[in-house]
Amino acid sequence: MRKVCPNLERDDALDTVLEVPIPEEMFSGSGGGGGSCGFRFGCSSVKKAWMRSHAADRSGAGEPCSMSRGELQLMLGVIGAPLVPLPVAVVCRAKQSPCSVLCEQLKTGPIESSSAKYIVQQYVAASGGEWALDRVKSMYAMGKVRVTAAEQLNGSDAAGGGGHCGGATGKGNRGGRRKGRGGEVGGFVLWQKRPELWCLELVVSGCKISAGSDGKVAWRQTPWHQSHASRGPPRPLRRSLQGLDPQLTASLFADSVCIGERSVDGEDCFVLKVEAEASSLRARNSGSVEIVRHTLWGYFSQRTGLLVQLEDSHLLQIRSGGGGSIFWETTMESRLGDYRAVDGVNIAHAGRTAVSLVRFGDCQQDGSSARTRMEETWDIEEVDFNIWGLSMDCFLPPSDLREGGKESQDVAVAKADARPPPIRIPAVAVRVGPSQVAAVSMDDSDSLVARS
């Protein structure tokens, strides 16, 4: 990962410090399928265009990328900065109980809840123990990602492979239409003061996504949309659950239930389930968009006690002007691996996320659905804890969201609800449109993460 770039204005000047470290593939031009986004840094014009991408024309014209602008927006909107189902306040309340209280709960509580609490305690011990986790007050992580649009399926095949624990990586595709794409590489930086304060910057193919939370409002900013606040109370970042923050993971699953066992890549695991409360879902709804459910599953190894897989399920209902409805179901499945100890805390340094986005409803007159599949692989290059100088100023939202505090957030949500529906529903539609999904992501700025 490179953190500096040659000065683009003066050859004799100091190197430019990059806001987000960039993988070596983007400098050498060897990364990504099909000449991934053309990042041959020998060309001065391309370097300048990339360095100034945050100020580039929002129309996306001239974007040097093998993917279309809509496909890149779709992938970054869904995979870039998704949030977890539970609000920060609920996660903070669900701290692990002292041993004496925990033993009493194990005796008196339902077997599903008691088993889950015991499994979470085993996970805490495997991650380094309460003493090591409690010492972590802040965190910094830097890594590289590769995103890939795997395929698109239309017709009856898209309806297959559904159901819990299998939709994201289903193999059946007969009768469907495959559409392979090369991967695009990028890098990200995450700063966090657990779990209510966090800030993420992600750059893929010259497109930069910024997201964060100051404990009062969660927000996101992209090159193609103005900065906007997430509906409802702020929630933690899902990327932190992908092996980076064991304390957050333990708190999230503290009130979960154990629903059984399953083998993941030959590893026997306990399966814990967490569902968002109805009040939390209602706070995220708008006039035409309703969150039907948002569920999280965690797979904890019986051998090591560590989290080896994380699944997220999100079902969205969008009402059209004619009285019909479209349903968007997104399945996100993350495999975690390469655990290494950092200051006594076990951190997952590599992983892969497979996403399946399905649309079905009244717009599909033949009863079929349309499915788009995406993938992200990531590697963690650096992790550090208890960062000096990480103040509240590091987590401030953009100025247009910061002015007026809570009132400005309410105004922003009101304006979003006042806009005409961004999705046009044709009489017959069998193809998932990336621009349609990007519009849905903008309305529900939590970026459509789902699992059935």
Foldseek 3Di string as FASTA:
>chain_A
DDQWAQDLPDNPDDTHGDPADWDVCLDCQNDKPPSAQVSPVVDSVSVVCLRCLLVDDLVCPPRSGPDDPLVVLLQCLFPVWFFAQEFQVQLVVLAQDPPVVLVVCLVPPDVFLNVLQVLLQLQCVLQQHPVQQVVFQKKKFKWKKKKWFAFKWWDAQLVPQADFPTNLPPDDRPPTGTDGGMIWMWMKMKIQRPFQWIWIWIATSSWIKIWIGLNAWTWIDTSNDHIATAFAHHGGTVVCVQFPRSSSVSSQSSRWTWDAWDADPNFIWTKTKDWRDPVRQVRRAADFKGWPTKMKIWTAGPVSSHTFKIKIATWMWGADPVGWIKIKIKIKMKGFDDWDADSSGTGTFKIKIKMKIKMDIQLAVVRIIMIIIMMMIMGIDDMDGDDPPPDSVVRDDDPQQPPPPPVSNVVSLVVLNPDDQPDDRDNHDTYDGSVNLSSVCVNNVSRRHRGD
